[in-house]
């Protein structure tokens, strides 16, 4: 059996349950592992979180952490830190198997000390000047699909079917 590469999505101290639910749904649909680093701004049984993730929650490979120290003690990179402050574009990276895409909290991003200590691994989504940031769940989806595109979408369906018609 051919090895399927692993992509890890890390949310550090997420504040908005709907964003985390949407990220969980993206992870479930793309077979990415989800890592939630606390403290979070909601409880994991929050109705808004479950509603956004809907019936995809049982499909998740999810791990919870007390904080960044706990996360780094239990995982080895490579880590790619997404930040609006980063000097490199996310498309300029060749992502290896086992990559961790790390995203910060919606209102503050990742700690600047972490970014400064890992400059070569800090990446950004290009945006217009004056825009604060994209929505967290949208940023995660963009990052996930860039990695999966580079990997040729392993084990994902790349075609669909019409209900009442046939494709020619």
N, C-alpha and C. Protein backbone atom coordinates (compact mmCIF):
# COMPACT_ATOMS: atom_id res chain seq x y z
N UNK A 1 0.85 -1.18 0.00
CA UNK A 1 0.00 0.00 0.00
C UNK A 1 0.89 1.25 0.00
N UNK A 2 0.57 2.19 -0.84
CA UNK A 2 1.34 3.41 -0.97
C UNK A 2 1.14 4.30 0.25
N UNK A 3 2.21 4.96 0.69
CA UNK A 3 2.16 5.85 1.85
C UNK A 3 1.42 7.13 1.50
N UNK A 4 0.46 7.51 2.33
CA UNK A 4 -0.23 8.78 2.17
C UNK A 4 0.45 9.79 3.08
N UNK A 5 0.91 10.91 2.52
CA UNK A 5 1.57 11.91 3.37
C UNK A 5 0.60 12.51 4.38
N UNK A 6 1.16 13.00 5.47
CA UNK A 6 0.37 13.58 6.55
C UNK A 6 0.55 15.09 6.59
N UNK A 7 -0.56 15.80 6.63
CA UNK A 7 -0.55 17.24 6.81
C UNK A 7 -1.22 17.56 8.13
N UNK A 8 -0.55 18.39 8.94
CA UNK A 8 -1.02 18.77 10.26
C UNK A 8 -1.41 20.24 10.27
N UNK A 9 -2.58 20.52 10.82
CA UNK A 9 -3.06 21.89 10.96
C UNK A 9 -3.10 22.20 12.45
N UNK A 10 -2.48 23.32 12.82
CA UNK A 10 -2.37 23.70 14.22
C UNK A 10 -3.05 25.05 14.43
N UNK A 11 -4.01 25.10 15.35
CA UNK A 11 -4.63 26.35 15.73
C UNK A 11 -4.17 26.68 17.15
N UNK A 12 -3.49 27.81 17.29
CA UNK A 12 -2.97 28.23 18.59
C UNK A 12 -3.95 29.22 19.22
N UNK A 13 -4.53 28.82 20.33
CA UNK A 13 -5.45 29.65 21.10
C UNK A 13 -6.59 30.25 20.28
N UNK A 14 -7.31 29.43 19.51
CA UNK A 14 -8.42 29.98 18.73
C UNK A 14 -9.48 30.59 19.65
N UNK A 15 -10.11 31.68 19.21
CA UNK A 15 -11.08 32.41 20.03
C UNK A 15 -12.52 32.22 19.55
N UNK A 16 -12.71 31.97 18.27
CA UNK A 16 -14.06 31.98 17.69
C UNK A 16 -14.46 30.55 17.32
N UNK A 17 -15.49 30.01 17.98
CA UNK A 17 -15.84 28.61 17.75
C UNK A 17 -16.22 28.30 16.31
N UNK A 18 -16.89 29.23 15.62
CA UNK A 18 -17.29 28.96 14.24
C UNK A 18 -16.06 28.79 13.34
N UNK A 19 -15.01 29.58 13.56
CA UNK A 19 -13.78 29.41 12.78
C UNK A 19 -13.18 28.03 13.00
N UNK A 20 -13.10 27.62 14.25
CA UNK A 20 -12.53 26.31 14.56
C UNK A 20 -13.40 25.21 13.97
N UNK A 21 -14.71 25.36 14.02
CA UNK A 21 -15.60 24.38 13.40
C UNK A 21 -15.40 24.29 11.91
N UNK A 22 -15.22 25.43 11.25
CA UNK A 22 -14.97 25.44 9.80
C UNK A 22 -13.63 24.80 9.48
N UNK A 23 -12.61 25.07 10.29
CA UNK A 23 -11.30 24.44 10.09
C UNK A 23 -11.41 22.93 10.30
N UNK A 24 -12.17 22.53 11.31
CA UNK A 24 -12.37 21.10 11.55
C UNK A 24 -13.02 20.43 10.34
N UNK A 25 -13.97 21.09 9.74
CA UNK A 25 -14.63 20.54 8.56
C UNK A 25 -13.64 20.42 7.39
N UNK A 26 -12.81 21.44 7.19
CA UNK A 26 -11.77 21.38 6.16
C UNK A 26 -10.83 20.20 6.42
N UNK A 27 -10.41 20.04 7.68
CA UNK A 27 -9.51 18.93 8.02
C UNK A 27 -10.18 17.57 7.78
N UNK A 28 -11.45 17.45 8.16
CA UNK A 28 -12.15 16.19 7.95
C UNK A 28 -12.26 15.85 6.47
N UNK A 29 -12.56 16.84 5.64
CA UNK A 29 -12.76 16.61 4.20
C UNK A 29 -11.46 16.40 3.44
N UNK A 30 -10.33 16.77 4.03
CA UNK A 30 -9.04 16.64 3.35
C UNK A 30 -8.10 15.67 4.06
N UNK A 31 -8.58 15.00 5.09
CA UNK A 31 -7.80 14.03 5.86
C UNK A 31 -6.56 14.64 6.51
N UNK A 32 -6.67 15.89 6.93
CA UNK A 32 -5.58 16.53 7.68
C UNK A 32 -5.79 16.28 9.17
N UNK A 33 -4.69 16.22 9.90
CA UNK A 33 -4.75 16.12 11.36
C UNK A 33 -4.92 17.52 11.93
N UNK A 34 -5.78 17.65 12.94
CA UNK A 34 -6.03 18.93 13.58
C UNK A 34 -5.44 18.93 14.99
N UNK A 35 -4.70 19.97 15.31
CA UNK A 35 -4.10 20.15 16.63
C UNK A 35 -4.65 21.45 17.21
N UNK A 36 -5.31 21.39 18.35
CA UNK A 36 -5.87 22.57 19.00
C UNK A 36 -5.06 22.87 20.26
N UNK A 37 -4.42 24.04 20.26
CA UNK A 37 -3.54 24.45 21.35
C UNK A 37 -4.28 25.47 22.20
N UNK A 38 -4.43 25.17 23.48
CA UNK A 38 -5.13 26.07 24.39
C UNK A 38 -4.21 27.12 24.97
N UNK A 39 -4.81 28.02 25.73
CA UNK A 39 -6.23 28.04 26.06
C UNK A 39 -7.07 28.58 24.90
N UNK A 40 -8.26 27.98 24.75
CA UNK A 40 -9.16 28.40 23.68
C UNK A 40 -10.21 29.36 24.24
N UNK A 41 -10.83 30.12 23.37
CA UNK A 41 -11.83 31.10 23.78
C UNK A 41 -13.22 30.52 23.88
N UNK A 42 -13.35 29.21 23.95
CA UNK A 42 -14.64 28.52 24.00
C UNK A 42 -14.39 27.12 24.50
N UNK A 43 -15.44 26.41 24.82
CA UNK A 43 -15.31 25.01 25.20
C UNK A 43 -15.55 24.14 23.98
N UNK A 44 -14.97 22.97 24.00
CA UNK A 44 -15.03 22.09 22.83
C UNK A 44 -16.45 21.58 22.57
N UNK A 45 -17.34 21.70 23.54
CA UNK A 45 -18.72 21.28 23.32
C UNK A 45 -19.62 22.46 22.94
N UNK A 46 -19.02 23.59 22.63
CA UNK A 46 -19.76 24.78 22.23
C UNK A 46 -20.64 24.46 21.02
N UNK A 47 -21.92 24.85 21.09
CA UNK A 47 -22.86 24.56 20.01
C UNK A 47 -22.44 25.19 18.69
N UNK A 48 -21.85 26.38 18.74
CA UNK A 48 -21.41 27.06 17.52
C UNK A 48 -20.28 26.28 16.85
N UNK A 49 -19.39 25.72 17.65
CA UNK A 49 -18.29 24.91 17.12
C UNK A 49 -18.85 23.66 16.45
N UNK A 50 -19.71 22.95 17.15
CA UNK A 50 -20.27 21.72 16.61
C UNK A 50 -21.12 21.99 15.38
N UNK A 51 -21.86 23.10 15.37
CA UNK A 51 -22.71 23.41 14.22
C UNK A 51 -21.85 23.66 12.97
N UNK A 52 -20.76 24.41 13.13
CA UNK A 52 -19.90 24.69 11.98
C UNK A 52 -19.22 23.43 11.48
N UNK A 53 -18.83 22.53 12.39
CA UNK A 53 -18.19 21.28 12.01
C UNK A 53 -19.19 20.20 11.65
N UNK A 54 -20.42 20.41 12.08
CA UNK A 54 -21.57 19.57 11.80
C UNK A 54 -21.26 18.08 11.96
N UNK A 55 -21.66 17.29 11.00
CA UNK A 55 -21.50 15.84 11.11
C UNK A 55 -20.09 15.37 10.72
N UNK A 56 -19.17 16.30 10.54
CA UNK A 56 -17.80 15.94 10.18
C UNK A 56 -16.96 15.64 11.42
N UNK A 57 -17.42 16.02 12.60
CA UNK A 57 -16.62 15.88 13.81
C UNK A 57 -16.10 14.46 14.02
N UNK A 58 -16.90 13.41 13.80
CA UNK A 58 -16.39 12.05 14.00
C UNK A 58 -15.30 11.65 13.00
N UNK A 59 -15.16 12.38 11.91
CA UNK A 59 -14.15 12.05 10.89
C UNK A 59 -12.78 12.66 11.22
N UNK A 60 -12.69 13.43 12.29
CA UNK A 60 -11.47 14.16 12.61
C UNK A 60 -10.43 13.31 13.32
N UNK A 61 -9.19 13.59 13.01
CA UNK A 61 -8.04 13.12 13.79
C UNK A 61 -7.58 14.36 14.53
N UNK A 62 -7.95 14.48 15.81
CA UNK A 62 -7.76 15.72 16.55
C UNK A 62 -7.00 15.46 17.85
N UNK A 63 -6.10 16.37 18.18
CA UNK A 63 -5.33 16.30 19.43
C UNK A 63 -5.41 17.66 20.11
N UNK A 64 -5.53 17.63 21.42
CA UNK A 64 -5.64 18.85 22.22
C UNK A 64 -4.37 19.04 23.05
N UNK A 65 -4.00 20.30 23.28
CA UNK A 65 -2.79 20.64 24.04
C UNK A 65 -3.12 21.75 25.03
N UNK A 66 -2.42 21.73 26.16
CA UNK A 66 -2.62 22.76 27.19
C UNK A 66 -2.09 24.11 26.73
N UNK A 67 -1.00 24.12 25.97
CA UNK A 67 -0.38 25.35 25.51
C UNK A 67 0.73 25.03 24.52
N UNK A 68 1.44 26.05 24.08
CA UNK A 68 2.50 25.85 23.10
C UNK A 68 3.62 24.96 23.62
N UNK A 69 3.99 25.09 24.90
CA UNK A 69 5.04 24.23 25.45
C UNK A 69 4.65 22.76 25.33
N UNK A 70 3.41 22.45 25.67
CA UNK A 70 2.89 21.08 25.55
C UNK A 70 2.92 20.62 24.09
N UNK A 71 2.49 21.48 23.18
CA UNK A 71 2.48 21.13 21.76
C UNK A 71 3.89 20.81 21.26
N UNK A 72 4.85 21.70 21.51
CA UNK A 72 6.21 21.49 21.01
C UNK A 72 6.89 20.30 21.68
N UNK A 73 6.53 20.00 22.91
CA UNK A 73 7.10 18.84 23.59
C UNK A 73 6.63 17.53 22.97
N UNK A 74 5.48 17.55 22.32
CA UNK A 74 4.89 16.33 21.79
C UNK A 74 4.98 16.20 20.27
N UNK A 75 5.54 17.19 19.59
CA UNK A 75 5.59 17.17 18.12
C UNK A 75 6.94 17.67 17.61
N UNK A 76 7.34 17.12 16.48
CA UNK A 76 8.53 17.60 15.79
C UNK A 76 8.10 18.10 14.43
N UNK A 77 8.72 19.14 13.94
CA UNK A 77 8.34 19.79 12.69
C UNK A 77 8.52 18.92 11.48
N UNK A 78 8.59 19.56 10.37
CA UNK A 78 8.80 20.99 10.22
C UNK A 78 7.52 21.80 10.44
N UNK A 79 7.71 22.98 11.04
CA UNK A 79 6.62 23.89 11.34
C UNK A 79 6.67 25.08 10.39
N UNK A 80 5.53 25.47 9.86
CA UNK A 80 5.41 26.64 9.00
C UNK A 80 4.41 27.57 9.67
N UNK A 81 4.88 28.75 10.03
CA UNK A 81 4.10 29.69 10.82
C UNK A 81 3.45 30.72 9.90
N UNK A 82 2.12 30.68 9.82
CA UNK A 82 1.38 31.62 8.99
C UNK A 82 1.15 32.90 9.77
N UNK A 83 1.55 34.01 9.17
CA UNK A 83 1.40 35.30 9.83
C UNK A 83 1.35 36.42 8.80
N UNK A 84 0.55 37.43 9.08
CA UNK A 84 0.53 38.61 8.21
C UNK A 84 1.85 39.37 8.30
N UNK A 85 2.65 39.09 9.32
CA UNK A 85 3.93 39.77 9.53
C UNK A 85 5.09 39.05 8.86
N UNK A 86 4.85 37.90 8.27
CA UNK A 86 5.92 37.04 7.75
C UNK A 86 6.58 37.61 6.49
N UNK A 87 7.87 37.26 6.28
CA UNK A 87 8.60 37.79 5.13
C UNK A 87 8.51 36.94 3.86
N UNK A 88 7.95 35.72 3.94
CA UNK A 88 7.94 34.80 2.79
C UNK A 88 6.51 34.45 2.39
N UNK A 89 6.30 34.18 1.09
CA UNK A 89 4.98 33.76 0.61
C UNK A 89 4.78 32.26 0.82
N UNK A 90 3.55 31.88 1.11
CA UNK A 90 3.22 30.47 1.34
C UNK A 90 3.42 29.62 0.09
N UNK A 91 3.40 30.21 -1.08
CA UNK A 91 3.57 29.46 -2.33
C UNK A 91 5.04 29.22 -2.67
N UNK A 92 5.94 29.83 -1.92
CA UNK A 92 7.38 29.67 -2.18
C UNK A 92 7.99 28.52 -1.40
N UNK A 93 7.17 27.72 -0.76
CA UNK A 93 7.62 26.61 0.08
C UNK A 93 7.27 25.29 -0.59
N UNK A 94 8.19 24.34 -0.55
CA UNK A 94 7.89 22.96 -0.94
C UNK A 94 7.62 22.20 0.36
N UNK A 95 6.39 21.86 0.62
CA UNK A 95 5.99 21.28 1.89
C UNK A 95 6.26 19.78 1.92
N UNK A 96 6.99 19.31 2.93
CA UNK A 96 7.27 17.88 3.03
C UNK A 96 6.18 17.12 3.78
N UNK A 97 6.21 15.82 3.66
CA UNK A 97 5.34 14.95 4.44
C UNK A 97 5.53 15.28 5.92
N UNK A 98 4.45 15.34 6.65
CA UNK A 98 4.52 15.61 8.08
C UNK A 98 4.56 17.08 8.45
N UNK A 99 4.39 17.96 7.46
CA UNK A 99 4.44 19.40 7.73
C UNK A 99 3.32 19.82 8.68
N UNK A 100 3.63 20.83 9.48
CA UNK A 100 2.67 21.45 10.39
C UNK A 100 2.45 22.88 9.93
N UNK A 101 1.20 23.22 9.59
CA UNK A 101 0.84 24.59 9.27
C UNK A 101 0.26 25.19 10.55
N UNK A 102 0.93 26.21 11.08
CA UNK A 102 0.60 26.75 12.40
C UNK A 102 -0.05 28.14 12.23
N UNK A 103 -1.22 28.30 12.83
CA UNK A 103 -1.99 29.54 12.73
C UNK A 103 -2.27 30.07 14.13
N UNK A 104 -2.21 31.39 14.29
CA UNK A 104 -2.43 32.01 15.59
C UNK A 104 -3.87 32.40 15.82
N UNK A 105 -4.10 32.98 16.97
CA UNK A 105 -5.45 33.38 17.35
C UNK A 105 -5.95 34.52 16.47
N UNK A 106 -7.26 34.58 16.31
CA UNK A 106 -7.87 35.53 15.39
C UNK A 106 -7.56 36.98 15.72
N UNK A 107 -7.45 37.32 16.98
CA UNK A 107 -7.28 38.72 17.37
C UNK A 107 -5.83 39.15 17.56
N UNK A 108 -4.89 38.19 17.58
CA UNK A 108 -3.50 38.57 17.87
C UNK A 108 -2.47 37.83 17.03
N UNK A 109 -2.87 36.79 16.34
CA UNK A 109 -1.91 36.00 15.57
C UNK A 109 -1.02 35.18 16.49
N UNK A 110 0.13 34.78 15.95
CA UNK A 110 1.11 34.02 16.72
C UNK A 110 1.99 34.96 17.52
N UNK A 111 2.54 34.49 18.65
CA UNK A 111 3.43 35.35 19.43
C UNK A 111 4.63 35.81 18.61
N UNK A 112 4.95 37.11 18.68
CA UNK A 112 6.06 37.64 17.90
C UNK A 112 7.39 37.01 18.26
N UNK A 113 7.57 36.61 19.51
CA UNK A 113 8.81 35.94 19.91
C UNK A 113 8.98 34.63 19.15
N UNK A 114 7.89 33.90 18.96
CA UNK A 114 7.92 32.65 18.19
C UNK A 114 8.27 32.93 16.73
N UNK A 115 7.67 33.96 16.17
CA UNK A 115 7.94 34.33 14.78
C UNK A 115 9.40 34.76 14.61
N UNK A 116 9.87 35.62 15.49
CA UNK A 116 11.25 36.13 15.38
C UNK A 116 12.27 35.01 15.51
N UNK A 117 11.98 34.00 16.32
CA UNK A 117 12.90 32.88 16.51
C UNK A 117 12.87 31.89 15.34
N UNK A 118 11.90 32.04 14.45
CA UNK A 118 11.71 31.08 13.34
C UNK A 118 11.50 31.80 12.01
N UNK A 119 12.24 32.85 11.77
CA UNK A 119 12.02 33.71 10.60
C UNK A 119 11.98 32.94 9.29
N UNK A 120 12.86 31.99 9.11
CA UNK A 120 12.92 31.25 7.85
C UNK A 120 11.68 30.39 7.61
N UNK A 121 10.90 30.16 8.64
CA UNK A 121 9.73 29.29 8.55
C UNK A 121 8.42 30.06 8.63
N UNK A 122 8.52 31.39 8.60
CA UNK A 122 7.33 32.24 8.67
C UNK A 122 6.86 32.60 7.27
N UNK A 123 5.58 32.34 7.01
CA UNK A 123 5.04 32.56 5.68
C UNK A 123 3.73 33.33 5.76
N UNK A 124 3.38 33.95 4.66
CA UNK A 124 2.17 34.77 4.62
C UNK A 124 1.37 34.55 3.35
N UNK A 125 0.10 34.90 3.44
CA UNK A 125 -0.76 34.98 2.27
C UNK A 125 -0.71 36.43 1.80
N UNK A 126 -0.33 36.69 0.56
CA UNK A 126 -0.30 38.08 0.09
C UNK A 126 -1.68 38.74 0.16
N UNK A 127 -1.70 39.98 0.57
CA UNK A 127 -2.94 40.75 0.69
C UNK A 127 -2.67 42.20 0.32
N UNK A 128 -3.73 42.94 0.10
CA UNK A 128 -3.63 44.38 -0.14
C UNK A 128 -3.13 45.08 1.11
N UNK A 129 -2.37 46.13 0.91
CA UNK A 129 -1.92 46.94 2.03
C UNK A 129 -3.14 47.55 2.72
N UNK A 130 -3.08 47.63 4.02
CA UNK A 130 -4.17 48.21 4.79
C UNK A 130 -5.19 47.18 5.26
N UNK A 131 -5.13 45.96 4.76
CA UNK A 131 -6.02 44.91 5.23
C UNK A 131 -5.36 44.22 6.42
N UNK A 132 -6.10 44.06 7.49
CA UNK A 132 -5.54 43.46 8.70
C UNK A 132 -5.20 41.98 8.48
N UNK A 133 -6.17 41.20 8.02
CA UNK A 133 -5.93 39.78 7.79
C UNK A 133 -7.16 39.15 7.14
N UNK A 134 -6.95 37.98 6.59
CA UNK A 134 -8.07 37.17 6.11
C UNK A 134 -8.68 36.43 7.29
N UNK A 135 -9.87 35.91 7.14
CA UNK A 135 -10.49 35.08 8.15
C UNK A 135 -9.64 33.84 8.39
N UNK A 136 -9.54 33.41 9.64
CA UNK A 136 -8.71 32.27 10.00
C UNK A 136 -9.07 31.02 9.21
N UNK A 137 -10.34 30.68 9.15
CA UNK A 137 -10.71 29.44 8.46
C UNK A 137 -10.42 29.52 6.96
N UNK A 138 -10.55 30.71 6.38
CA UNK A 138 -10.19 30.87 4.96
C UNK A 138 -8.69 30.72 4.76
N UNK A 139 -7.90 31.28 5.66
CA UNK A 139 -6.44 31.18 5.57
C UNK A 139 -6.00 29.72 5.67
N UNK A 140 -6.60 28.99 6.59
CA UNK A 140 -6.27 27.57 6.73
C UNK A 140 -6.60 26.83 5.44
N UNK A 141 -7.77 27.08 4.87
CA UNK A 141 -8.17 26.39 3.64
C UNK A 141 -7.20 26.68 2.50
N UNK A 142 -6.77 27.94 2.37
CA UNK A 142 -5.81 28.29 1.32
C UNK A 142 -4.51 27.52 1.53
N UNK A 143 -4.01 27.50 2.75
CA UNK A 143 -2.77 26.78 3.05
C UNK A 143 -2.89 25.29 2.81
N UNK A 144 -3.97 24.69 3.28
CA UNK A 144 -4.19 23.25 3.09
C UNK A 144 -4.20 22.90 1.62
N UNK A 145 -4.95 23.63 0.83
CA UNK A 145 -5.06 23.27 -0.58
C UNK A 145 -3.79 23.54 -1.37
N UNK A 146 -2.96 24.47 -0.95
CA UNK A 146 -1.66 24.64 -1.61
C UNK A 146 -0.79 23.42 -1.36
N UNK A 147 -0.74 22.95 -0.12
CA UNK A 147 0.07 21.75 0.19
C UNK A 147 -0.48 20.56 -0.57
N UNK A 148 -1.78 20.35 -0.52
CA UNK A 148 -2.37 19.19 -1.20
C UNK A 148 -2.19 19.28 -2.71
N UNK A 149 -2.23 20.48 -3.27
CA UNK A 149 -1.96 20.65 -4.70
C UNK A 149 -0.54 20.20 -5.01
N UNK A 150 0.41 20.61 -4.19
CA UNK A 150 1.80 20.20 -4.41
C UNK A 150 1.94 18.68 -4.33
N UNK A 151 1.15 18.05 -3.50
CA UNK A 151 1.21 16.60 -3.32
C UNK A 151 0.28 15.85 -4.28
N UNK A 152 -0.35 16.55 -5.21
CA UNK A 152 -1.29 15.98 -6.18
C UNK A 152 -2.52 15.38 -5.51
N UNK A 153 -3.00 15.99 -4.45
CA UNK A 153 -4.25 15.64 -3.77
C UNK A 153 -4.36 14.14 -3.44
N UNK A 154 -3.44 13.64 -2.62
CA UNK A 154 -3.42 12.20 -2.34
C UNK A 154 -4.72 11.71 -1.70
N UNK A 155 -5.26 10.65 -2.28
CA UNK A 155 -6.46 9.96 -1.80
C UNK A 155 -7.71 10.84 -1.75
N UNK A 156 -7.71 11.97 -2.44
CA UNK A 156 -8.89 12.81 -2.50
C UNK A 156 -9.54 12.66 -3.88
N UNK A 157 -10.85 12.66 -3.90
CA UNK A 157 -11.57 12.59 -5.17
C UNK A 157 -11.35 13.90 -5.93
N UNK A 158 -11.02 13.78 -7.20
CA UNK A 158 -10.80 14.99 -8.00
C UNK A 158 -11.85 15.15 -9.09
N UNK A 159 -12.95 14.44 -8.95
CA UNK A 159 -14.06 14.58 -9.90
C UNK A 159 -15.36 14.33 -9.15
N UNK A 160 -16.43 14.89 -9.65
CA UNK A 160 -17.74 14.72 -9.03
C UNK A 160 -18.73 14.13 -10.01
N UNK A 161 -19.94 13.91 -9.51
CA UNK A 161 -21.00 13.32 -10.32
C UNK A 161 -22.25 14.17 -10.21
N UNK A 162 -22.90 14.36 -11.31
CA UNK A 162 -24.20 15.05 -11.31
C UNK A 162 -25.26 14.07 -10.81
N UNK A 163 -26.29 14.58 -10.17
CA UNK A 163 -27.38 13.72 -9.72
C UNK A 163 -28.26 13.26 -10.86
N UNK A 164 -28.64 14.20 -11.71
CA UNK A 164 -29.66 13.90 -12.72
C UNK A 164 -29.11 13.85 -14.15
N UNK A 165 -27.83 14.09 -14.31
CA UNK A 165 -27.23 14.12 -15.65
C UNK A 165 -25.91 13.37 -15.63
N UNK A 166 -25.36 13.17 -16.83
CA UNK A 166 -24.05 12.53 -16.98
C UNK A 166 -23.08 13.50 -17.59
N UNK A 167 -21.85 13.55 -17.11
CA UNK A 167 -20.80 14.35 -17.75
C UNK A 167 -20.44 13.69 -19.07
N UNK A 168 -20.16 14.50 -20.08
CA UNK A 168 -19.79 13.95 -21.39
C UNK A 168 -18.30 13.81 -21.49
